[in-house]
C-alpha atoms as a PDB file:
ATOM      1  CA  MET A   1       0.000   0.000   0.000  1.00  0.00           C
ATOM      2  CA  LEU A   2       1.235   3.471  -0.900  1.00  0.00           C
ATOM      3  CA  ALA A   3      -0.038   5.759   1.861  1.00  0.00           C
ATOM      4  CA  TYR A   4       0.590   9.486   1.614  1.00  0.00           C
ATOM      5  CA  ASP A   5       1.048  11.606   4.715  1.00  0.00           C
ATOM      6  CA  LYS A   6      -1.799  14.015   5.330  1.00  0.00           C
ATOM      7  CA  ILE A   7      -2.722  17.526   6.368  1.00  0.00           C
ATOM      8  CA  VAL A   8      -6.104  17.539   8.110  1.00  0.00           C
ATOM      9  CA  LEU A   9      -8.206  20.710   7.945  1.00  0.00           C
ATOM     10  CA  PHE A  10     -10.754  20.747  10.775  1.00  0.00           C
ATOM     11  CA  GLY A  11     -13.349  23.452  11.292  1.00  0.00           C
ATOM     12  CA  ASP A  12     -16.699  24.944  10.359  1.00  0.00           C
ATOM     13  CA  SER A  13     -18.131  26.198   7.051  1.00  0.00           C
ATOM     14  CA  LEU A  14     -14.999  28.216   6.300  1.00  0.00           C
ATOM     15  CA  ILE A  15     -13.209  24.861   6.065  1.00  0.00           C
ATOM     16  CA  GLN A  16     -16.119  22.958   4.492  1.00  0.00           C
ATOM     17  CA  PHE A  17     -16.541  25.522   1.719  1.00  0.00           C
ATOM     18  CA  SER A  18     -12.787  25.748   1.116  1.00  0.00           C
ATOM     19  CA  VAL A  19     -13.040  22.950  -1.470  1.00  0.00           C
ATOM     20  CA  GLY A  20     -14.497  25.238  -4.158  1.00  0.00           C
ATOM     21  CA  ASP A  21     -12.649  26.787  -7.084  1.00  0.00           C
ATOM     22  CA  GLY A  22      -9.845  28.986  -5.783  1.00  0.00           C
ATOM     23  CA  GLY A  23     -10.425  27.785  -2.226  1.00  0.00           C
ATOM     24  CA  LEU A  24      -7.848  26.864   0.380  1.00  0.00           C
ATOM     25  CA  THR A  25      -8.101  23.132  -0.279  1.00  0.00           C
ATOM     26  CA  PRO A  26      -7.280  23.101  -4.021  1.00  0.00           C
ATOM     27  CA  CYS A  27      -4.481  25.600  -3.365  1.00  0.00           C
ATOM     28  CA  LEU A  28      -2.955  23.252  -0.793  1.00  0.00           C
ATOM     29  CA  MET A  29      -3.510  20.203  -3.013  1.00  0.00           C
ATOM     30  CA  ASN A  30      -1.718  21.902  -5.868  1.00  0.00           C
ATOM     31  CA  HIS A  31       1.131  23.086  -3.653  1.00  0.00           C
ATOM     32  CA  TYR A  32       1.717  19.664  -2.084  1.00  0.00           C
ATOM     33  CA  GLN A  33       0.805  17.476  -5.066  1.00  0.00           C
ATOM     34  CA  ARG A  34       2.497  14.045  -5.057  1.00  0.00           C
ATOM     35  CA  GLN A  35       3.675  14.801  -1.525  1.00  0.00           C
ATOM     36  CA  LEU A  36       0.754  15.159   0.884  1.00  0.00           C
ATOM     37  CA  ASP A  37      -2.974  14.463   0.880  1.00  0.00           C
ATOM     38  CA  ILE A  38      -5.262  17.250   2.077  1.00  0.00           C
ATOM     39  CA  LEU A  39      -8.214  15.964   4.094  1.00  0.00           C
ATOM     40  CA  VAL A  40     -11.130  18.334   4.695  1.00  0.00           C
ATOM     41  CA  ARG A  41     -13.275  17.856   7.773  1.00  0.00           C
ATOM     42  CA  GLY A  42     -15.458  20.951   7.817  1.00  0.00           C
ATOM     43  CA  PHE A  43     -18.859  21.164   9.498  1.00  0.00           C
ATOM     44  CA  SER A  44     -20.987  24.144   8.534  1.00  0.00           C
ATOM     45  CA  GLY A  45     -22.590  25.881  11.514  1.00  0.00           C
ATOM     46  CA  TYR A  46     -20.632  23.981  14.151  1.00  0.00           C
ATOM     47  CA  ASN A  47     -18.954  25.548  17.169  1.00  0.00           C
ATOM     48  CA  THR A  48     -16.185  24.254  19.438  1.00  0.00           C
ATOM     49  CA  GLU A  49     -18.669  22.762  21.899  1.00  0.00           C
ATOM     50  CA  TRP A  50     -20.026  20.474  19.196  1.00  0.00           C
ATOM     51  CA  CYS A  51     -16.610  19.804  17.669  1.00  0.00           C
ATOM     52  CA  LYS A  52     -14.504  19.158  20.755  1.00  0.00           C
ATOM     53  CA  ASP A  53     -15.446  15.480  21.035  1.00  0.00           C
ATOM     54  CA  MET A  54     -15.455  14.919  17.276  1.00  0.00           C
ATOM     55  CA  LEU A  55     -11.791  15.614  16.607  1.00  0.00           C
ATOM     56  CA  GLN A  56     -10.353  12.413  18.057  1.00  0.00           C
ATOM     57  CA  PRO A  57     -12.601  10.038  16.063  1.00  0.00           C
ATOM     58  CA  VAL A  58     -12.024  12.190  12.982  1.00  0.00           C
ATOM     59  CA  LEU A  59      -8.265  11.802  13.334  1.00  0.00           C
ATOM     60  CA  GLU A  60      -8.572   8.107  14.133  1.00  0.00           C
ATOM     61  CA  GLY A  61     -10.502   7.650  10.905  1.00  0.00           C
ATOM     62  CA  VAL A  62      -8.228   9.387   8.410  1.00  0.00           C
ATOM     63  CA  GLY A  63      -6.808   6.096   7.164  1.00  0.00           C
ATOM     64  CA  PRO A  64      -3.264   4.853   6.600  1.00  0.00           C
ATOM     65  CA  GLY A  65      -0.307   7.189   6.490  1.00  0.00           C
ATOM     66  CA  LYS A  66       0.992   9.695   8.995  1.00  0.00           C
ATOM     67  CA  ILE A  67      -0.662  12.995   9.849  1.00  0.00           C
ATOM     68  CA  ALA A  68       1.815  15.702   8.906  1.00  0.00           C
ATOM     69  CA  ALA A  69      -0.287  18.493  10.420  1.00  0.00           C
ATOM     70  CA  VAL A  70      -3.694  19.310  11.866  1.00  0.00           C
ATOM     71  CA  VAL A  71      -5.142  22.758  11.188  1.00  0.00           C
ATOM     72  CA  ILE A  72      -7.984  23.860  13.483  1.00  0.00           C
ATOM     73  CA  PHE A  73     -10.111  26.826  12.421  1.00  0.00           C
ATOM     74  CA  LEU A  74     -13.146  27.444  14.633  1.00  0.00           C
ATOM     75  CA  GLY A  75     -14.721  30.382  16.408  1.00  0.00           C
ATOM     76  CA  THR A  76     -16.918  32.202  13.921  1.00  0.00           C
ATOM     77  CA  ASN A  77     -20.019  30.378  15.173  1.00  0.00           C
ATOM     78  CA  ASP A  78     -18.944  30.480  18.816  1.00  0.00           C
ATOM     79  CA  ALA A  79     -18.842  34.272  18.434  1.00  0.00           C
ATOM     80  CA  ALA A  80     -22.552  34.492  17.627  1.00  0.00           C
ATOM     81  CA  ALA A  81     -24.520  36.647  20.060  1.00  0.00           C
ATOM     82  CA  GLN A  82     -25.286  35.310  23.523  1.00  0.00           C
ATOM     83  CA  GLY A  83     -28.621  33.507  23.507  1.00  0.00           C
ATOM     84  CA  SER A  84     -28.204  32.169  19.984  1.00  0.00           C
ATOM     85  CA  LEU A  85     -27.961  28.418  19.442  1.00  0.00           C
ATOM     86  CA  GLN A  86     -24.368  28.611  18.224  1.00  0.00           C
ATOM     87  CA  HIS A  87     -22.975  30.864  20.967  1.00  0.00           C
ATOM     88  CA  VAL A  88     -20.143  29.619  23.162  1.00  0.00           C
ATOM     89  CA  SER A  89     -18.573  31.944  25.724  1.00  0.00           C
ATOM     90  CA  VAL A  90     -15.017  33.119  25.095  1.00  0.00           C
ATOM     91  CA  GLU A  91     -13.840  31.273  28.205  1.00  0.00           C
ATOM     92  CA  GLN A  92     -15.439  27.991  27.154  1.00  0.00           C
ATOM     93  CA  TYR A  93     -14.242  28.472  23.579  1.00  0.00           C
ATOM     94  CA  GLN A  94     -10.689  28.846  24.828  1.00  0.00           C
ATOM     95  CA  ALA A  95     -10.977  25.707  26.972  1.00  0.00           C
ATOM     96  CA  ASN A  96     -12.505  23.735  24.098  1.00  0.00           C
ATOM     97  CA  LEU A  97      -9.810  24.878  21.707  1.00  0.00           C
ATOM     98  CA  GLN A  98      -7.052  23.912  24.117  1.00  0.00           C
ATOM     99  CA  HIS A  99      -8.620  20.474  24.527  1.00  0.00           C
ATOM    100  CA  MET A 100      -8.749  19.978  20.757  1.00  0.00           C
ATOM    101  CA  ALA A 101      -5.173  21.155  20.272  1.00  0.00           C
ATOM    102  CA  GLU A 102      -4.006  18.696  22.923  1.00  0.00           C
ATOM    103  CA  VAL A 103      -5.971  15.887  21.263  1.00  0.00           C
ATOM    104  CA  ALA A 104      -4.462  16.737  17.877  1.00  0.00           C
ATOM    105  CA  ALA A 105      -0.974  16.708  19.408  1.00  0.00           C
ATOM    106  CA  GLN A 106      -1.446  12.999  20.129  1.00  0.00           C
ATOM    107  CA  PHE A 107      -1.561  12.368  16.373  1.00  0.00           C
ATOM    108  CA  THR A 108       0.987  14.828  14.984  1.00  0.00           C
ATOM    109  CA  SER A 109       3.872  17.032  16.001  1.00  0.00           C
ATOM    110  CA  LYS A 110       2.412  19.995  14.091  1.00  0.00           C
ATOM    111  CA  VAL A 111      -0.863  21.580  15.199  1.00  0.00           C
ATOM    112  CA  VAL A 112      -1.822  24.972  13.759  1.00  0.00           C
ATOM    113  CA  LEU A 113      -4.546  27.183  15.213  1.00  0.00           C
ATOM    114  CA  VAL A 114      -6.255  29.763  13.014  1.00  0.00           C
ATOM    115  CA  GLY A 115      -7.799  32.853  14.554  1.00  0.00           C
ATOM    116  CA  THR A 116     -11.208  34.171  13.546  1.00  0.00           C
ATOM    117  CA  ALA A 117     -11.292  36.392  10.477  1.00  0.00           C
ATOM    118  CA  ILE A 118     -13.485  39.408   9.673  1.00  0.00           C
ATOM    119  CA  MET A 119     -17.037  39.951   8.458  1.00  0.00           C
ATOM    120  CA  ASP A 120     -19.101  42.621   6.747  1.00  0.00           C
ATOM    121  CA  GLU A 121     -21.641  43.719   9.332  1.00  0.00           C
ATOM    122  CA  LYS A 122     -23.484  45.803   6.728  1.00  0.00           C
ATOM    123  CA  ASN A 123     -24.079  42.928   4.323  1.00  0.00           C
ATOM    124  CA  PRO A 124     -27.844  42.331   4.004  1.00  0.00           C
ATOM    125  CA  ALA A 125     -27.294  38.564   4.141  1.00  0.00           C
ATOM    126  CA  GLN A 126     -26.131  38.901   7.759  1.00  0.00           C
ATOM    127  CA  GLU A 127     -28.565  39.189  10.649  1.00  0.00           C
ATOM    128  CA  PRO A 128     -27.890  42.536  12.352  1.00  0.00           C
ATOM    129  CA  GLY A 129     -26.155  42.096  15.698  1.00  0.00           C
ATOM    130  CA  LEU A 130     -25.768  38.319  15.466  1.00  0.00           C
ATOM    131  CA  ARG A 131     -22.047  38.656  14.901  1.00  0.00           C
ATOM    132  CA  THR A 132     -19.705  41.629  14.989  1.00  0.00           C
ATOM    133  CA  ASN A 133     -16.074  42.161  14.143  1.00  0.00           C
ATOM    134  CA  HIS A 134     -15.488  43.164  17.762  1.00  0.00           C
ATOM    135  CA  SER A 135     -16.773  39.789  18.930  1.00  0.00           C
ATOM    136  CA  LEU A 136     -14.735  37.941  16.309  1.00  0.00           C
ATOM    137  CA  PHE A 137     -11.661  39.850  17.467  1.00  0.00           C
ATOM    138  CA  ASN A 138     -12.167  38.667  21.057  1.00  0.00           C
ATOM    139  CA  TYR A 139     -12.369  35.034  19.959  1.00  0.00           C
ATOM    140  CA  GLY A 140      -9.330  35.441  17.748  1.00  0.00           C
ATOM    141  CA  ARG A 141      -7.426  36.816  20.709  1.00  0.00           C
ATOM    142  CA  ALA A 142      -8.474  33.806  22.802  1.00  0.00           C
ATOM    143  CA  CYS A 143      -7.243  31.510  20.022  1.00  0.00           C
ATOM    144  CA  ARG A 144      -3.889  33.272  20.087  1.00  0.00           C
ATOM    145  CA  ARG A 145      -3.662  32.764  23.857  1.00  0.00           C
ATOM    146  CA  VAL A 146      -4.153  29.016  23.443  1.00  0.00           C
ATOM    147  CA  ALA A 147      -1.479  28.856  20.741  1.00  0.00           C
ATOM    148  CA  ASN A 148       0.939  30.873  22.874  1.00  0.00           C
ATOM    149  CA  ASP A 149       0.268  28.755  25.970  1.00  0.00           C
ATOM    150  CA  LEU A 150       0.900  25.533  24.039  1.00  0.00           C
ATOM    151  CA  GLY A 151       3.774  26.905  21.961  1.00  0.00           C
ATOM    152  CA  ILE A 152       2.175  26.022  18.629  1.00  0.00           C
ATOM    153  CA  PRO A 153       1.820  28.015  15.372  1.00  0.00           C
ATOM    154  CA  PHE A 154      -0.955  30.584  15.115  1.00  0.00           C
ATOM    155  CA  VAL A 155      -2.413  32.229  12.008  1.00  0.00           C
ATOM    156  CA  ASP A 156      -3.723  35.721  12.764  1.00  0.00           C
ATOM    157  CA  LEU A 157      -6.132  35.672   9.857  1.00  0.00           C
ATOM    158  CA  ALA A 158      -7.910  38.937  10.673  1.00  0.00           C
ATOM    159  CA  SER A 159      -4.609  40.832  10.718  1.00  0.00           C
ATOM    160  CA  GLU A 160      -3.554  39.197   7.456  1.00  0.00           C
ATOM    161  CA  ILE A 161      -6.800  40.293   5.812  1.00  0.00           C
ATOM    162  CA  TYR A 162      -6.565  43.844   7.122  1.00  0.00           C
ATOM    163  CA  LYS A 163      -2.961  43.985   5.965  1.00  0.00           C
ATOM    164  CA  SER A 164      -4.042  42.971   2.459  1.00  0.00           C
ATOM    165  CA  LEU A 165      -6.485  45.894   2.510  1.00  0.00           C
ATOM    166  CA  GLY A 166      -3.770  48.328   3.530  1.00  0.00           C
ATOM    167  CA  VAL A 167      -5.287  48.933   6.965  1.00  0.00           C
ATOM    168  CA  SER A 168      -2.820  49.907   9.673  1.00  0.00           C
ATOM    169  CA  ASP A 169      -4.881  51.903  12.211  1.00  0.00           C
ATOM    170  CA  TYR A 170      -6.469  49.323  14.484  1.00  0.00           C
ATOM    171  CA  ASN A 171      -7.919  51.909  16.871  1.00  0.00           C
ATOM    172  CA  ALA A 172     -10.477  53.334  14.456  1.00  0.00           C
ATOM    173  CA  ALA A 173     -13.565  51.714  12.944  1.00  0.00           C
ATOM    174  CA  MET A 174     -12.400  48.985  10.595  1.00  0.00           C
ATOM    175  CA  PRO A 175     -13.588  47.983   7.116  1.00  0.00           C
ATOM    176  CA  GLY A 176     -16.569  45.697   7.620  1.00  0.00           C
ATOM    177  CA  ASP A 177     -17.678  47.352  10.875  1.00  0.00           C
ATOM    178  CA  ALA A 178     -21.222  48.703  10.995  1.00  0.00           C
ATOM    179  CA  ASP A 179     -19.940  52.202  11.810  1.00  0.00           C
ATOM    180  CA  TYR A 180     -17.120  52.252   9.248  1.00  0.00           C
ATOM    181  CA  THR A 181     -17.443  55.232   6.888  1.00  0.00           C
ATOM    182  CA  GLY A 182     -14.242  54.854   4.869  1.00  0.00           C
ATOM    183  CA  GLU A 183     -13.798  53.787   1.273  1.00  0.00           C
ATOM    184  CA  ILE A 184     -12.218  50.351   1.751  1.00  0.00           C
ATOM    185  CA  SER A 185     -14.639  47.554   0.893  1.00  0.00           C
ATOM    186  CA  VAL A 186     -14.546  43.960   2.109  1.00  0.00           C
ATOM    187  CA  ASP A 187     -17.182  42.802  -0.404  1.00  0.00           C
ATOM    188  CA  GLY A 188     -14.559  41.095  -2.539  1.00  0.00           C
ATOM    189  CA  LEU A 189     -13.351  39.006   0.410  1.00  0.00           C
ATOM    190  CA  VAL A 190     -16.614  38.071   2.157  1.00  0.00           C
ATOM    191  CA  PRO A 191     -19.323  38.359  -0.546  1.00  0.00           C
ATOM    192  CA  ASP A 192     -22.166  37.237   1.732  1.00  0.00           C
ATOM    193  CA  GLY A 193     -20.709  39.074   4.699  1.00  0.00           C
ATOM    194  CA  LEU A 194     -19.146  36.018   6.343  1.00  0.00           C
ATOM    195  CA  HIS A 195     -17.891  33.321   3.966  1.00  0.00           C
ATOM    196  CA  PHE A 196     -14.701  33.652   1.949  1.00  0.00           C
ATOM    197  CA  SER A 197     -14.137  34.400  -1.704  1.00  0.00           C
ATOM    198  CA  ALA A 198     -11.191  32.931  -3.606  1.00  0.00           C
ATOM    199  CA  ASP A 199      -9.259  36.123  -2.823  1.00  0.00           C
ATOM    200  CA  ALA A 200      -9.782  35.647   0.909  1.00  0.00           C
ATOM    201  CA  TYR A 201      -8.792  31.992   0.683  1.00  0.00           C
ATOM    202  CA  LYS A 202      -5.591  33.041  -1.097  1.00  0.00           C
ATOM    203  CA  ILE A 203      -4.717  35.250   1.880  1.00  0.00           C
ATOM    204  CA  PHE A 204      -5.496  32.311   4.167  1.00  0.00           C
ATOM    205  CA  PHE A 205      -3.386  29.971   2.031  1.00  0.00           C
ATOM    206  CA  ASP A 206      -0.323  32.215   2.044  1.00  0.00           C
ATOM    207  CA  ALA A 207      -0.481  32.715   5.813  1.00  0.00           C
ATOM    208  CA  LEU A 208      -1.082  29.022   6.483  1.00  0.00           C
ATOM    209  CA  LEU A 209       1.905  27.956   4.393  1.00  0.00           C
ATOM    210  CA  ARG A 210       4.152  30.077   6.587  1.00  0.00           C
ATOM    211  CA  ALA A 211       2.683  28.525   9.722  1.00  0.00           C
ATOM    212  CA  LEU A 212       2.917  24.957   8.398  1.00  0.00           C
ATOM    213  CA  ASP A 213       6.538  25.412   7.346  1.00  0.00           C
ATOM    214  CA  ILE A 214       6.480  22.170   5.324  1.00  0.00           C
ATOM    215  CA  PRO A 215       8.637  22.488   2.183  1.00  0.00           C
ATOM    216  CA  ALA A 216       6.965  21.379  -1.040  1.00  0.00           C
ATOM    217  CA  GLU A 217       9.998  19.738  -2.535  1.00  0.00           C
ATOM    218  CA  GLN A 218      10.129  16.002  -1.866  1.00  0.00           C
ATOM    219  CA  THR A 219       7.577  13.874  -3.693  1.00  0.00           C
ATOM    220  CA  VAL A 220       6.630  10.416  -2.472  1.00  0.00           C
ATOM    221  CA  MET A 221       7.875   8.763  -5.661  1.00  0.00           C
ATOM    222  CA  PRO A 222      10.843   9.919  -7.770  1.00  0.00           C
ATOM    223  CA  PRO A 223      10.331  12.075 -10.899  1.00  0.00           C
ATOM    224  CA  TRP A 224       9.880   9.942 -13.998  1.00  0.00           C
ATOM    225  CA  ARG A 225      12.948  11.397 -15.706  1.00  0.00           C
ATOM    226  CA  SER A 226      15.128  10.053 -12.899  1.00  0.00           C
ATOM    227  CA  ILE A 227      14.005   6.451 -13.420  1.00  0.00           C
ATOM    228  CA  SER A 228      16.698   4.805 -15.488  1.00  0.00           C
ATOM    229  CA  GLY A 229      16.668   1.140 -14.633  1.00  0.00           C
ATOM    230  CA  ALA A 230      16.642  -1.588 -12.050  1.00  0.00           C
ATOM    231  CA  HIS A 231      18.237   0.566  -9.338  1.00  0.00           C
ATOM    232  CA  ASP A 232      15.392   3.080  -9.473  1.00  0.00           C
ATOM    233  CA  ILE A 233      12.748   0.375  -9.554  1.00  0.00           C
ATOM    234  CA  LYS A 234      14.318  -1.146  -6.453  1.00  0.00           C
ATOM    235  CA  TYR A 235      14.279   2.297  -4.830  1.00  0.00           C
ATOM    236  CA  ALA A 236      10.596   2.695  -5.628  1.00  0.00           C
ATOM    237  CA  ARG A 237       9.815  -0.656  -4.044  1.00  0.00           C
ATOM    238  CA  THR A 238      11.765   0.364  -0.951  1.00  0.00           C
ATOM    239  CA  VAL A 239       9.717   3.543  -0.686  1.00  0.00           C
ATOM    240  CA  LEU A 240       6.499   1.563  -0.935  1.00  0.00           C
ATOM    241  CA  GLU A 241       7.617  -0.898   1.733  1.00  0.00           C
ATOM    242  CA  ARG A 242       8.726   1.906   4.044  1.00  0.00           C
ATOM    243  CA  ARG A 243       5.396   3.725   3.723  1.00  0.00           C
ATOM    244  CA  THR A 244       3.223   0.639   4.183  1.00  0.00           C
ATOM    245  CA  PRO A 245       1.696   0.671   7.702  1.00  0.00           C
END
């Protein structure tokens, strides 16, 4: 059996929907082709309370091959307003996230946490007051605390997005806020006010690559031009035997 090592993406709709054209998943698949498999385990609408006990069976069920990394991206639903079905307090979110990171660490030496991104509070597709950028910021900060406490990589996705927009003043109203009156639009990044466009996923992809720090240079099998005879065939068989669980 030829089993490729894997990167597991675990999260909510922002992971589930990442499989579309220009999404995070095809970008990663292209970058790590013939080297790593990208497994998507995204659950639209889910929060950390519903996901915390799912991660272990998910990782146990990924199949043969090692897990090169687990990427956890949750919090957008937790940040829904108190009283909503999806809401999880910041304190409980942080505890849930730490639990999941510790579970993931049992399966891989590389766990990456991704902080909450941004939204467009003015988008008519979004229920007024259900989520705000201020709330998302607080959950992103809690995610960073977990990553810092555990000494694992953290992707500050909101900052990466603001940086791409040329925003540097974090004390004023930000693009996407209900009270923002500037000219910078986030429509091209979150078309429905919450979910990512291909442009937003590209920002995510670039930031995640830096956090993963896994070079895309060694394929599982040798390039076809390097196969010249019995020696290379023997090498290929050795690779297969070494990678068979």
